[in-house]
Amino acid sequence: MTQERERGVGTGLIIGGIGGTVLGTTIAALLAAKPARAAPIDEKLDYLIEVLTTLVPVLAEVAEGQAELITAMQQWLAAQGIPVAPPAEGVEVTVRTAWVTKDPEQIFSQAILSAGTFYSDKMVDFRNAKRILFKVESSLNQAVNIQIIGNVQDSKELATDINGVLPCPANGNISVGLAWDDWHPYVGVEITVAVAPTAGILTISATVQE
């Protein structure tokens, strides 16, 4: 596909070059036929009519070639992942960008044996991502509460709650995703344990899609 786009760009360049050559040759010929300053008015009017009649189709051909060149360049740039300006009216450029899902990243794994509040070992970098999913897996023999938190910096300090608390039952599991409006540069998890478990492990992983 890259070779096809490169050939398209090359074709556009050839079209632009040929158009420029034809236009230059046409203008040179018209200038050579220009009447003298002292020529009669009728002769000058005939010359102007001839100029317009000759240039209009040539300029239309050059404009068409330039449009093809612009389209080919925009498609090539888009294929390289380079942002391009919105196409001109009548020119359609199709860009397909795949969403890439990273491997799940474990951000918490602990055999909790006391009541209290715990935090994920790290905040997930969500600055360049589109979506995120937290998977909570618990073999604890007590329920825990899960609260997603967000911050503008890579720290749980002064982080704010995102939406409400979600319960994860004993020996259960839940998944938590974020809506578009819930975006924060960094996100993590706050775990609240009301009753101390006596057995089991709580594991939380985050999967980011860019």
Protein backbone atom coordinates (compact mmCIF):
# COMPACT_ATOMS: atom_id res chain seq x y z
CA MET A 1 0.00 0.00 0.00
CA THR A 2 2.89 2.36 0.73
CA GLN A 3 4.25 1.80 -2.77
CA GLU A 4 0.85 2.59 -4.28
CA ARG A 5 0.64 5.84 -2.33
CA GLU A 6 4.18 6.76 -3.33
CA ARG A 7 3.32 6.14 -6.97
CA GLY A 8 0.26 8.33 -6.52
CA VAL A 9 2.39 11.15 -5.16
CA GLY A 10 4.80 10.76 -8.05
CA THR A 11 1.92 10.94 -10.53
CA GLY A 12 0.64 14.08 -8.86
CA LEU A 13 4.05 15.69 -9.17
CA ILE A 14 4.21 14.80 -12.87
CA ILE A 15 0.76 16.23 -13.45
CA GLY A 16 1.72 19.43 -11.64
CA GLY A 17 4.94 19.67 -13.64
CA ILE A 18 3.22 19.10 -16.98
CA GLY A 19 0.50 21.59 -16.09
CA GLY A 20 3.07 24.24 -15.23
CA THR A 21 4.96 23.59 -18.49
CA VAL A 22 1.82 23.82 -20.63
CA LEU A 23 0.73 27.01 -18.89
CA GLY A 24 4.14 28.61 -19.35
CA THR A 25 4.26 27.68 -23.03
CA THR A 26 0.74 29.00 -23.60
CA ILE A 27 1.48 32.33 -21.91
CA ALA A 28 4.68 32.71 -23.91
CA ALA A 29 2.79 32.14 -27.16
CA LEU A 30 0.10 34.65 -26.20
CA LEU A 31 2.67 37.28 -25.27
CA ALA A 32 4.41 36.77 -28.60
CA ALA A 33 1.12 37.50 -30.37
CA LYS A 34 0.42 40.61 -28.32
CA PRO A 35 -0.63 43.52 -30.57
CA ALA A 36 1.37 46.71 -30.64
CA ARG A 37 0.42 49.56 -28.35
CA ALA A 38 -0.75 51.55 -31.37
CA ALA A 39 -2.89 48.73 -32.75
CA PRO A 40 -6.59 49.44 -33.36
CA ILE A 41 -9.04 48.86 -30.51
CA ASP A 42 -10.78 46.04 -32.37
CA GLU A 43 -7.48 44.18 -32.72
CA LYS A 44 -6.77 44.56 -29.00
CA LEU A 45 -10.27 43.32 -28.09
CA ASP A 46 -9.85 40.31 -30.37
CA TYR A 47 -6.53 39.61 -28.65
CA LEU A 48 -8.12 39.78 -25.16
CA ILE A 49 -10.88 37.41 -26.24
CA GLU A 50 -8.28 35.01 -27.62
CA VAL A 51 -6.31 35.21 -24.33
CA LEU A 52 -9.37 34.36 -22.24
CA THR A 53 -10.50 31.61 -24.58
CA THR A 54 -7.03 30.02 -24.52
CA LEU A 55 -6.21 30.38 -20.82
CA VAL A 56 -9.49 29.22 -19.25
CA PRO A 57 -9.21 25.54 -20.30
CA VAL A 58 -5.46 25.48 -19.59
CA LEU A 59 -5.96 26.92 -16.09
CA ALA A 60 -8.75 24.42 -15.44
CA GLU A 61 -6.41 21.58 -16.41
CA VAL A 62 -3.65 22.93 -14.16
CA ALA A 63 -6.10 23.31 -11.24
CA GLU A 64 -7.26 19.71 -11.67
CA GLY A 65 -3.67 18.50 -11.64
CA GLN A 66 -2.91 20.48 -8.48
CA ALA A 67 -6.01 19.04 -6.76
CA GLU A 68 -4.81 15.52 -7.58
CA LEU A 69 -1.36 16.39 -6.25
CA ILE A 70 -2.79 17.77 -2.99
CA THR A 71 -4.97 14.69 -2.53
CA ALA A 72 -2.03 12.34 -3.12
CA MET A 73 0.18 14.27 -0.68
CA GLN A 74 -2.51 14.28 2.02
CA GLN A 75 -3.02 10.54 1.65
CA TRP A 76 0.71 9.87 1.82
CA LEU A 77 1.15 12.08 4.92
CA ALA A 78 -1.81 10.44 6.62
CA ALA A 79 -0.34 6.99 5.88
CA GLN A 80 2.83 8.05 7.70
CA GLY A 81 0.82 9.16 10.73
CA ILE A 82 1.51 12.86 10.07
CA PRO A 83 -1.45 15.16 10.89
CA VAL A 84 -2.84 16.95 7.85
CA ALA A 85 -5.11 19.96 7.50
CA PRO A 86 -8.78 19.28 6.66
CA PRO A 87 -9.12 18.54 2.93
CA ALA A 88 -10.59 21.12 0.62
CA GLU A 89 -14.23 20.82 -0.34
CA GLY A 90 -14.75 18.03 -2.83
CA VAL A 91 -11.54 16.20 -1.84
CA GLU A 92 -12.01 13.14 0.35
CA VAL A 93 -9.14 11.68 2.34
CA THR A 94 -9.71 8.46 4.25
CA VAL A 95 -7.43 7.74 7.23
CA ARG A 96 -7.77 4.55 9.25
CA THR A 97 -6.10 4.59 12.64
CA ALA A 98 -6.07 1.35 14.59
CA TRP A 99 -6.72 1.41 18.34
CA VAL A 100 -3.93 -0.52 20.02
CA THR A 101 -4.59 -2.29 23.31
CA LYS A 102 -1.63 -2.73 25.62
CA ASP A 103 -1.10 -5.81 27.74
CA PRO A 104 -2.77 -5.70 31.18
CA GLU A 105 -0.59 -4.08 33.83
CA GLN A 106 -0.84 -5.26 37.42
CA ILE A 107 -1.14 -2.25 39.72
CA PHE A 108 -2.07 -3.96 43.00
CA SER A 109 -1.70 -7.43 44.50
CA GLN A 110 -1.88 -7.95 48.22
CA ALA A 111 -3.10 -10.42 50.83
CA ILE A 112 -5.09 -7.91 52.89
CA LEU A 113 -5.50 -8.99 56.50
CA SER A 114 -6.69 -5.77 58.12
CA ALA A 115 -9.43 -3.20 57.74
CA GLY A 116 -8.48 0.17 56.30
CA THR A 117 -7.86 2.12 53.10
CA PHE A 118 -5.34 0.97 50.52
CA TYR A 119 -4.17 2.39 47.18
CA SER A 120 -2.92 0.91 43.95
CA ASP A 121 0.87 0.67 43.85
CA LYS A 122 0.96 3.18 41.01
CA MET A 123 -1.16 5.63 39.04
CA VAL A 124 -1.76 4.60 35.43
CA ASP A 125 -0.50 7.05 32.79
CA PHE A 126 -3.68 7.87 30.87
CA ARG A 127 -2.44 11.00 29.05
CA ASN A 128 -2.22 9.50 25.56
CA ALA A 129 -4.86 6.79 25.88
CA LYS A 130 -8.45 6.64 24.65
CA ARG A 131 -9.92 4.08 27.03
CA ILE A 132 -9.00 2.17 30.17
CA LEU A 133 -10.38 -0.85 31.98
CA PHE A 134 -9.68 -1.93 35.55
CA LYS A 135 -10.13 -5.62 36.42
CA VAL A 136 -10.50 -6.45 40.11
CA GLU A 137 -10.10 -10.10 41.16
CA SER A 138 -10.59 -11.04 44.79
CA SER A 139 -10.14 -14.28 46.68
CA LEU A 140 -10.54 -12.41 49.99
CA ASN A 141 -13.21 -13.81 52.29
CA GLN A 142 -14.58 -10.31 52.87
CA ALA A 143 -16.08 -7.76 50.50
CA VAL A 144 -14.15 -4.59 49.62
CA ASN A 145 -15.13 -1.29 48.03
CA ILE A 146 -13.41 -0.02 44.89
CA GLN A 147 -13.12 3.69 44.08
CA ILE A 148 -11.41 4.91 40.89
CA ILE A 149 -9.40 8.09 41.48
CA GLY A 150 -7.82 10.60 39.10
CA ASN A 151 -5.15 13.26 39.29
CA VAL A 152 -3.34 15.80 37.09
CA GLN A 153 0.00 14.46 38.31
CA ASP A 154 1.47 11.03 38.91
CA SER A 155 0.47 10.82 42.55
CA LYS A 156 -2.43 9.63 44.70
CA GLU A 157 -2.01 12.72 46.87
CA LEU A 158 -4.92 15.15 46.31
CA ALA A 159 -6.45 12.75 43.79
CA THR A 160 -10.21 13.10 43.27
CA ASP A 161 -12.89 10.43 43.11
CA ILE A 162 -14.18 9.46 39.67
CA ASN A 163 -17.84 8.42 39.90
CA GLY A 164 -19.00 6.38 42.87
CA VAL A 165 -17.87 3.44 44.96
CA LEU A 166 -18.27 -0.05 43.50
CA PRO A 167 -18.47 -3.11 45.79
CA CYS A 168 -16.45 -6.20 45.01
CA PRO A 169 -17.88 -9.21 46.86
CA ALA A 170 -15.84 -11.81 48.70
CA ASN A 171 -14.36 -14.30 46.25
CA GLY A 172 -15.67 -12.20 43.41
CA ASN A 173 -14.46 -9.98 40.58
CA ILE A 174 -15.59 -6.81 38.83
CA SER A 175 -14.52 -4.69 35.84
CA VAL A 176 -14.57 -0.89 35.85
CA GLY A 177 -14.26 1.35 32.79
CA LEU A 178 -14.26 5.11 32.42
CA ALA A 179 -16.50 7.28 30.24
CA TRP A 180 -15.04 9.93 27.90
CA ASP A 181 -15.89 12.71 30.35
CA ASP A 182 -14.11 10.88 33.17
CA TRP A 183 -10.69 11.34 31.57
CA HIS A 184 -7.80 12.31 33.90
CA PRO A 185 -4.07 12.38 33.05
CA TYR A 186 -3.38 9.79 35.74
CA VAL A 187 -5.82 7.29 37.25
CA GLY A 188 -5.58 4.78 40.04
CA VAL A 189 -7.64 2.80 42.55
CA GLU A 190 -8.57 3.33 46.19
CA ILE A 191 -9.58 0.19 48.12
CA THR A 192 -11.64 0.39 51.30
CA VAL A 193 -11.87 -2.66 53.56
CA ALA A 194 -14.50 -2.45 56.31
CA VAL A 195 -14.04 -5.90 57.82
CA ALA A 196 -10.58 -7.46 58.04
CA PRO A 197 -10.25 -10.53 55.79
CA THR A 198 -8.56 -13.61 57.18
CA ALA A 199 -7.59 -15.18 53.87
CA GLY A 200 -7.22 -14.43 50.18
CA ILE A 201 -5.55 -11.97 47.81
CA LEU A 202 -6.85 -8.89 46.04
CA THR A 203 -5.38 -8.27 42.58
CA ILE A 204 -6.10 -5.30 40.30
CA SER A 205 -4.87 -4.83 36.75
CA ALA A 206 -5.34 -1.98 34.25
CA THR A 207 -5.60 -2.32 30.47
CA VAL A 208 -5.10 0.80 28.34
CA GLN A 209 -6.20 1.27 24.74
CA GLU A 210 -4.38 3.90 22.69
